[in-house]
Amino acid sequence: MVWEGRSAVAYWAEFGEVVNRLWPEAWFVTRKGKGKSWAQSATDPANALLNFGYSLLEARVRHAVTSLEVEPSMGWLHETAASNLPANRDL
C-alpha cells in the first residue's frame, strides 16, 4: 500500500502539471476530495470529467462481469463502500 500511495501521489502531480499546462481553466490540484480520501464531489472541471469517465468504465466492467455470469457480488473495487456494492445484494 505504501508504494501504491507514493506512486499515486507522483502520478497525480505529473497529471496535474500536464492538465494545467494544456487547460489552465481546469484548476486541477489533486484527486483527493474535500475532507475525503477518495475523489468524490469534484471541485474542478478536470475532476468532474475524471469522475464521469470512471463511472462509464465502472458501468462497462459491471456489464462485462454480469454478461459472463460471474458472481457480481465479488469485490473488484479498491474498497468496500455502500456505493460500490452491487445493486442486487440478494444474489
N, C-alpha and C. Protein backbone atom coordinates (compact mmCIF):
# COMPACT_ATOMS: atom_id res chain seq x y z
N MET A 1 0.82 -1.19 0.00
CA MET A 1 0.00 0.00 0.00
C MET A 1 0.87 1.26 0.00
N VAL A 2 2.02 1.22 0.64
CA VAL A 2 2.87 2.40 0.69
C VAL A 2 3.35 2.77 -0.71
N TRP A 3 3.81 1.78 -1.45
CA TRP A 3 4.30 2.05 -2.80
C TRP A 3 3.18 2.50 -3.72
N GLU A 4 2.02 1.91 -3.56
CA GLU A 4 0.87 2.33 -4.37
C GLU A 4 0.54 3.79 -4.08
N GLY A 5 0.54 4.16 -2.81
CA GLY A 5 0.25 5.53 -2.43
C GLY A 5 1.27 6.52 -2.96
N ARG A 6 2.54 6.17 -2.85
CA ARG A 6 3.60 7.04 -3.35
C ARG A 6 3.52 7.18 -4.87
N SER A 7 3.23 6.08 -5.53
CA SER A 7 3.10 6.13 -6.99
C SER A 7 1.92 7.00 -7.39
N ALA A 8 0.82 6.89 -6.66
CA ALA A 8 -0.36 7.70 -6.96
C ALA A 8 -0.07 9.19 -6.78
N VAL A 9 0.63 9.55 -5.72
CA VAL A 9 0.97 10.95 -5.49
C VAL A 9 1.81 11.49 -6.64
N ALA A 10 2.82 10.72 -7.05
CA ALA A 10 3.68 11.15 -8.16
C ALA A 10 2.89 11.22 -9.47
N TYR A 11 2.04 10.24 -9.71
CA TYR A 11 1.25 10.21 -10.94
C TYR A 11 0.33 11.43 -11.02
N TRP A 12 -0.43 11.69 -9.95
CA TRP A 12 -1.39 12.79 -9.99
C TRP A 12 -0.71 14.15 -10.01
N ALA A 13 0.48 14.26 -9.42
CA ALA A 13 1.23 15.52 -9.50
C ALA A 13 1.62 15.80 -10.95
N GLU A 14 2.12 14.78 -11.63
CA GLU A 14 2.50 14.93 -13.03
C GLU A 14 1.27 15.18 -13.90
N PHE A 15 0.21 14.45 -13.62
CA PHE A 15 -1.05 14.62 -14.35
C PHE A 15 -1.53 16.07 -14.21
N GLY A 16 -1.48 16.60 -13.00
CA GLY A 16 -1.92 17.97 -12.75
C GLY A 16 -1.10 18.99 -13.52
N GLU A 17 0.21 18.78 -13.59
CA GLU A 17 1.05 19.70 -14.35
C GLU A 17 0.67 19.71 -15.83
N VAL A 18 0.44 18.53 -16.38
CA VAL A 18 0.08 18.44 -17.79
C VAL A 18 -1.29 19.08 -18.03
N VAL A 19 -2.28 18.73 -17.21
CA VAL A 19 -3.62 19.27 -17.38
C VAL A 19 -3.60 20.79 -17.27
N ASN A 20 -2.94 21.31 -16.25
CA ASN A 20 -2.93 22.76 -16.04
C ASN A 20 -2.13 23.51 -17.11
N ARG A 21 -1.17 22.85 -17.70
CA ARG A 21 -0.43 23.48 -18.79
C ARG A 21 -1.30 23.54 -20.05
N LEU A 22 -2.02 22.45 -20.34
CA LEU A 22 -2.85 22.38 -21.54
C LEU A 22 -4.23 23.03 -21.37
N TRP A 23 -4.73 23.05 -20.13
CA TRP A 23 -6.07 23.56 -19.85
C TRP A 23 -6.05 24.33 -18.53
N PRO A 24 -5.49 25.54 -18.52
CA PRO A 24 -5.33 26.31 -17.28
C PRO A 24 -6.64 26.56 -16.53
N GLU A 25 -7.75 26.65 -17.25
CA GLU A 25 -9.04 26.90 -16.61
C GLU A 25 -9.54 25.71 -15.79
N ALA A 26 -8.89 24.58 -15.90
CA ALA A 26 -9.32 23.39 -15.16
C ALA A 26 -9.00 23.50 -13.67
N TRP A 27 -7.98 24.24 -13.31
CA TRP A 27 -7.59 24.44 -11.90
C TRP A 27 -7.38 23.13 -11.15
N PHE A 28 -6.84 22.15 -11.83
CA PHE A 28 -6.64 20.83 -11.20
C PHE A 28 -5.55 20.93 -10.14
N VAL A 29 -5.84 20.42 -8.94
CA VAL A 29 -4.85 20.39 -7.86
C VAL A 29 -4.54 18.95 -7.47
N THR A 30 -5.58 18.17 -7.19
CA THR A 30 -5.39 16.80 -6.73
C THR A 30 -6.66 16.00 -6.99
N ARG A 31 -6.57 14.69 -6.85
CA ARG A 31 -7.75 13.83 -6.96
C ARG A 31 -8.44 13.68 -5.61
N LYS A 32 -7.83 14.13 -4.55
CA LYS A 32 -8.42 13.98 -3.22
C LYS A 32 -9.58 14.96 -3.07
N GLY A 33 -10.74 14.45 -2.67
CA GLY A 33 -11.91 15.31 -2.48
C GLY A 33 -11.81 16.09 -1.18
N LYS A 34 -12.65 17.07 -1.02
CA LYS A 34 -12.65 17.88 0.19
C LYS A 34 -13.02 17.02 1.40
N GLY A 35 -12.08 16.87 2.32
CA GLY A 35 -12.34 16.13 3.55
C GLY A 35 -12.53 14.64 3.37
N LYS A 36 -12.21 14.12 2.19
CA LYS A 36 -12.38 12.70 1.92
C LYS A 36 -11.09 12.15 1.36
N SER A 37 -10.91 10.85 1.51
CA SER A 37 -9.69 10.25 0.97
C SER A 37 -9.91 9.72 -0.44
N TRP A 38 -11.08 9.85 -0.98
CA TRP A 38 -11.33 9.43 -2.35
C TRP A 38 -11.89 10.61 -3.14
N ALA A 39 -11.86 10.49 -4.44
CA ALA A 39 -12.17 11.63 -5.31
C ALA A 39 -13.65 11.71 -5.64
N GLN A 40 -14.43 12.22 -4.71
CA GLN A 40 -15.84 12.48 -4.97
C GLN A 40 -16.06 13.97 -4.78
N SER A 41 -17.22 14.42 -5.14
CA SER A 41 -17.55 15.84 -5.02
C SER A 41 -16.51 16.69 -5.73
N ALA A 42 -16.37 16.50 -7.01
CA ALA A 42 -15.37 17.21 -7.80
C ALA A 42 -15.52 18.72 -7.62
N THR A 43 -14.38 19.37 -7.40
CA THR A 43 -14.38 20.82 -7.19
C THR A 43 -13.79 21.55 -8.38
N ASP A 44 -13.44 20.84 -9.44
CA ASP A 44 -12.89 21.46 -10.64
C ASP A 44 -13.33 20.66 -11.86
N PRO A 45 -13.28 21.27 -13.04
CA PRO A 45 -13.74 20.59 -14.26
C PRO A 45 -12.95 19.31 -14.57
N ALA A 46 -11.66 19.30 -14.32
CA ALA A 46 -10.86 18.10 -14.63
C ALA A 46 -11.31 16.92 -13.79
N ASN A 47 -11.54 17.12 -12.50
CA ASN A 47 -12.01 16.03 -11.65
C ASN A 47 -13.42 15.60 -12.01
N ALA A 48 -14.26 16.54 -12.42
CA ALA A 48 -15.61 16.17 -12.85
C ALA A 48 -15.55 15.25 -14.07
N LEU A 49 -14.67 15.57 -15.00
CA LEU A 49 -14.52 14.71 -16.19
C LEU A 49 -13.92 13.35 -15.83
N LEU A 50 -12.95 13.35 -14.91
CA LEU A 50 -12.39 12.07 -14.48
C LEU A 50 -13.46 11.21 -13.79
N ASN A 51 -14.26 11.82 -12.91
CA ASN A 51 -15.33 11.07 -12.24
C ASN A 51 -16.32 10.50 -13.25
N PHE A 52 -16.66 11.30 -14.26
CA PHE A 52 -17.58 10.84 -15.30
C PHE A 52 -16.97 9.66 -16.06
N GLY A 53 -15.71 9.79 -16.45
CA GLY A 53 -15.04 8.71 -17.17
C GLY A 53 -14.95 7.43 -16.35
N TYR A 54 -14.63 7.58 -15.05
CA TYR A 54 -14.55 6.40 -14.18
C TYR A 54 -15.91 5.74 -14.01
N SER A 55 -16.99 6.55 -13.97
CA SER A 55 -18.32 5.95 -13.83
C SER A 55 -18.70 5.18 -15.09
N LEU A 56 -18.30 5.68 -16.27
CA LEU A 56 -18.55 4.94 -17.50
C LEU A 56 -17.75 3.63 -17.52
N LEU A 57 -16.50 3.70 -17.10
CA LEU A 57 -15.67 2.50 -17.03
C LEU A 57 -16.25 1.48 -16.06
N GLU A 58 -16.70 1.95 -14.89
CA GLU A 58 -17.28 1.04 -13.91
C GLU A 58 -18.53 0.36 -14.47
N ALA A 59 -19.36 1.10 -15.19
CA ALA A 59 -20.56 0.51 -15.78
C ALA A 59 -20.20 -0.56 -16.81
N ARG A 60 -19.18 -0.30 -17.62
CA ARG A 60 -18.74 -1.29 -18.61
C ARG A 60 -18.23 -2.56 -17.94
N VAL A 61 -17.46 -2.39 -16.88
CA VAL A 61 -16.92 -3.55 -16.16
C VAL A 61 -18.04 -4.34 -15.50
N ARG A 62 -18.97 -3.64 -14.86
CA ARG A 62 -20.11 -4.34 -14.24
C ARG A 62 -20.90 -5.11 -15.30
N HIS A 63 -21.11 -4.51 -16.46
CA HIS A 63 -21.83 -5.19 -17.54
C HIS A 63 -21.06 -6.43 -17.99
N ALA A 64 -19.75 -6.30 -18.16
CA ALA A 64 -18.94 -7.45 -18.60
C ALA A 64 -18.99 -8.58 -17.58
N VAL A 65 -18.92 -8.23 -16.30
CA VAL A 65 -18.95 -9.24 -15.25
C VAL A 65 -20.27 -9.99 -15.26
N THR A 66 -21.38 -9.27 -15.33
CA THR A 66 -22.68 -9.94 -15.32
C THR A 66 -22.94 -10.69 -16.63
N SER A 67 -22.43 -10.21 -17.75
CA SER A 67 -22.66 -10.93 -19.01
C SER A 67 -21.89 -12.24 -19.07
N LEU A 68 -20.82 -12.35 -18.30
CA LEU A 68 -20.06 -13.59 -18.22
C LEU A 68 -20.61 -14.54 -17.16
N GLU A 69 -21.69 -14.10 -16.53
CA GLU A 69 -22.34 -14.86 -15.46
C GLU A 69 -21.39 -15.16 -14.31
N VAL A 70 -20.52 -14.20 -14.04
CA VAL A 70 -19.62 -14.28 -12.89
C VAL A 70 -20.37 -13.71 -11.70
N GLU A 71 -20.08 -14.20 -10.52
CA GLU A 71 -20.73 -13.71 -9.31
C GLU A 71 -20.50 -12.21 -9.16
N PRO A 72 -21.54 -11.38 -9.32
CA PRO A 72 -21.36 -9.93 -9.31
C PRO A 72 -21.06 -9.34 -7.94
N SER A 73 -21.30 -10.09 -6.87
CA SER A 73 -21.05 -9.52 -5.55
C SER A 73 -19.60 -9.67 -5.11
N MET A 74 -18.78 -10.35 -5.91
CA MET A 74 -17.36 -10.46 -5.56
C MET A 74 -16.70 -9.11 -5.75
N GLY A 75 -15.88 -8.72 -4.82
CA GLY A 75 -15.27 -7.39 -4.86
C GLY A 75 -14.22 -7.24 -5.94
N TRP A 76 -14.23 -6.09 -6.59
CA TRP A 76 -13.20 -5.78 -7.58
C TRP A 76 -12.81 -4.31 -7.51
N LEU A 77 -13.45 -3.56 -6.61
CA LEU A 77 -13.09 -2.17 -6.42
C LEU A 77 -12.05 -2.06 -5.30
N HIS A 78 -11.45 -0.90 -5.16
CA HIS A 78 -10.40 -0.71 -4.16
C HIS A 78 -10.88 -0.89 -2.73
N GLU A 79 -12.08 -0.50 -2.44
CA GLU A 79 -12.56 -0.55 -1.07
C GLU A 79 -14.03 -0.93 -1.04
N THR A 80 -14.47 -1.40 0.09
CA THR A 80 -15.87 -1.74 0.27
C THR A 80 -16.59 -0.51 0.79
N ALA A 81 -17.56 -0.07 0.08
CA ALA A 81 -18.39 1.06 0.49
C ALA A 81 -19.79 0.81 -0.03
N ALA A 82 -20.76 1.35 0.66
CA ALA A 82 -22.16 1.12 0.28
C ALA A 82 -22.40 1.50 -1.18
N SER A 83 -21.77 2.55 -1.66
CA SER A 83 -21.99 2.99 -3.03
C SER A 83 -21.32 2.07 -4.06
N ASN A 84 -20.42 1.17 -3.61
CA ASN A 84 -19.71 0.28 -4.53
C ASN A 84 -20.27 -1.13 -4.55
N LEU A 85 -21.31 -1.38 -3.77
CA LEU A 85 -21.89 -2.71 -3.72
C LEU A 85 -22.83 -2.92 -4.90
N PRO A 86 -23.00 -4.16 -5.34
CA PRO A 86 -23.92 -4.43 -6.43
C PRO A 86 -25.34 -4.00 -6.04
N ALA A 87 -26.11 -3.61 -7.04
CA ALA A 87 -27.48 -3.13 -6.80
C ALA A 87 -28.34 -4.25 -6.23
N ASN A 88 -28.15 -5.49 -6.71
CA ASN A 88 -28.94 -6.62 -6.25
C ASN A 88 -28.11 -7.42 -5.27
N ARG A 89 -28.31 -7.19 -4.00
CA ARG A 89 -27.50 -7.86 -2.97
C ARG A 89 -28.05 -9.24 -2.60
N ASP A 90 -29.17 -9.64 -3.21
CA ASP A 90 -29.78 -10.92 -2.89
C ASP A 90 -29.23 -12.05 -3.74
N LEU A 91 -28.27 -11.78 -4.60
CA LEU A 91 -27.73 -12.82 -5.50
C LEU A 91 -26.97 -13.85 -4.74
